[in-house]
Amino acid sequence: APEDYLIRAKLATALMANGQHDESDAEFARVFKIKPDHVPAMKVWVESLTKRQNYSLAGSALESFYKDNPTNLWAAQEYARLMSFVGSDDVSAQVMAK
């Protein structure tokens, strides 16, 4: 059902709050298979990933989200910010130039 992504996003957030990060990450991935442009879930997931210093997964999630939603300013800014933080200034500059 179309609402499944909302239920999955709530489940992913609850799992994250409970420290079940692998399960939470898997649920967030399912959310984006159903609803690739769900910004609220992406914001929560990226915040969780960066707090856990999982920059690799945060970067690939943001990159995929940004490519699927190229007009989403939040996604572009967050992806560029993360790339700059991890030392990929060239990627950051390319994203912000678009």
Protein backbone atom coordinates (compact mmCIF):
# COMPACT_ATOMS: atom_id res chain seq x y z
CA ALA A 1 0.00 0.00 0.00
CA PRO A 2 1.19 3.57 -0.60
CA GLU A 3 1.19 4.29 3.14
CA ASP A 4 3.68 1.50 3.80
CA TYR A 5 6.58 3.91 3.47
CA LEU A 6 5.22 6.00 6.37
CA ILE A 7 4.90 2.95 8.61
CA ARG A 8 8.37 1.76 7.59
CA ALA A 9 9.83 5.23 8.28
CA LYS A 10 8.33 5.20 11.78
CA LEU A 11 9.62 1.67 12.35
CA ALA A 12 13.09 2.67 11.12
CA THR A 13 13.11 5.66 13.47
CA ALA A 14 12.01 3.51 16.42
CA LEU A 15 14.68 0.91 15.67
CA MET A 16 17.28 3.67 15.44
CA ALA A 17 16.19 5.11 18.81
CA ASN A 18 16.50 1.63 20.29
CA GLY A 19 20.07 1.27 19.03
CA GLN A 20 19.19 -1.36 16.42
CA HIS A 21 21.12 0.39 13.69
CA ASP A 22 21.47 -2.45 11.18
CA GLU A 23 17.74 -3.09 11.26
CA SER A 24 17.02 0.63 11.12
CA ASP A 25 19.28 1.10 8.10
CA ALA A 26 17.54 -1.77 6.32
CA GLU A 27 14.11 -0.24 6.99
CA PHE A 28 15.21 3.17 5.75
CA ALA A 29 16.48 1.52 2.56
CA ARG A 30 13.04 -0.07 2.12
CA VAL A 31 11.39 3.34 2.57
CA PHE A 32 13.39 4.74 -0.34
CA LYS A 33 12.57 1.79 -2.58
CA ILE A 34 8.89 2.63 -2.06
CA LYS A 35 9.18 6.44 -1.95
CA PRO A 36 12.54 7.64 -3.34
CA ASP A 37 11.79 11.31 -2.62
CA HIS A 38 10.79 11.06 1.05
CA VAL A 39 12.81 13.94 2.49
CA PRO A 40 11.78 13.62 6.17
CA ALA A 41 13.02 10.04 6.36
CA MET A 42 16.25 10.91 4.56
CA LYS A 43 16.92 13.76 7.00
CA VAL A 44 16.47 11.46 10.00
CA TRP A 45 18.57 8.69 8.46
CA VAL A 46 21.44 10.95 7.41
CA GLU A 47 21.51 12.55 10.86
CA SER A 48 21.68 9.10 12.44
CA LEU A 49 24.41 7.93 10.08
CA THR A 50 26.58 11.00 10.64
CA LYS A 51 26.16 10.76 14.42
CA ARG A 52 27.40 7.17 14.14
CA GLN A 53 30.21 8.41 11.87
CA ASN A 54 29.04 6.10 9.10
CA TYR A 55 30.04 8.62 6.45
CA SER A 56 30.32 6.01 3.73
CA LEU A 57 26.67 4.95 3.98
CA ALA A 58 25.54 8.53 4.55
CA GLY A 59 27.41 9.60 1.43
CA SER A 60 26.04 6.85 -0.77
CA ALA A 61 22.50 7.41 0.56
CA LEU A 62 22.71 11.15 -0.08
CA GLU A 63 24.33 10.66 -3.48
CA SER A 64 21.57 8.30 -4.56
CA PHE A 65 18.87 10.56 -3.09
CA TYR A 66 20.39 13.61 -4.80
CA LYS A 67 20.61 11.82 -8.17
CA ASP A 68 16.97 10.71 -7.88
CA ASN A 69 15.89 14.22 -6.79
CA PRO A 70 18.26 16.68 -8.54
CA THR A 71 16.06 19.70 -7.85
CA ASN A 72 15.94 19.07 -4.10
CA LEU A 73 18.05 21.85 -2.61
CA TRP A 74 18.34 20.18 0.80
CA ALA A 75 19.77 17.01 -0.77
CA ALA A 76 22.28 18.97 -2.84
CA GLN A 77 23.45 21.01 0.15
CA GLU A 78 23.74 18.02 2.48
CA TYR A 79 25.58 15.93 -0.09
CA ALA A 80 27.99 18.78 -0.84
CA ARG A 81 28.49 19.44 2.89
CA LEU A 82 29.25 15.79 3.59
CA MET A 83 31.64 15.52 0.64
CA SER A 84 33.45 18.64 1.84
CA PHE A 85 33.61 17.25 5.39
CA VAL A 86 35.18 13.97 4.27
CA GLY A 87 37.63 15.73 1.98
CA SER A 88 35.96 15.44 -1.41
CA ASP A 89 35.95 19.16 -2.14
CA ASP A 90 35.94 18.56 -5.89
CA VAL A 91 32.68 16.59 -5.65
CA SER A 92 31.27 19.21 -3.31
CA ALA A 93 32.06 21.99 -5.77
CA GLN A 94 30.54 20.05 -8.67
CA VAL A 95 27.29 19.49 -6.78
CA MET A 96 26.94 23.08 -5.71
CA ALA A 97 27.74 24.33 -9.24
CA LYS A 98 24.62 22.58 -10.60
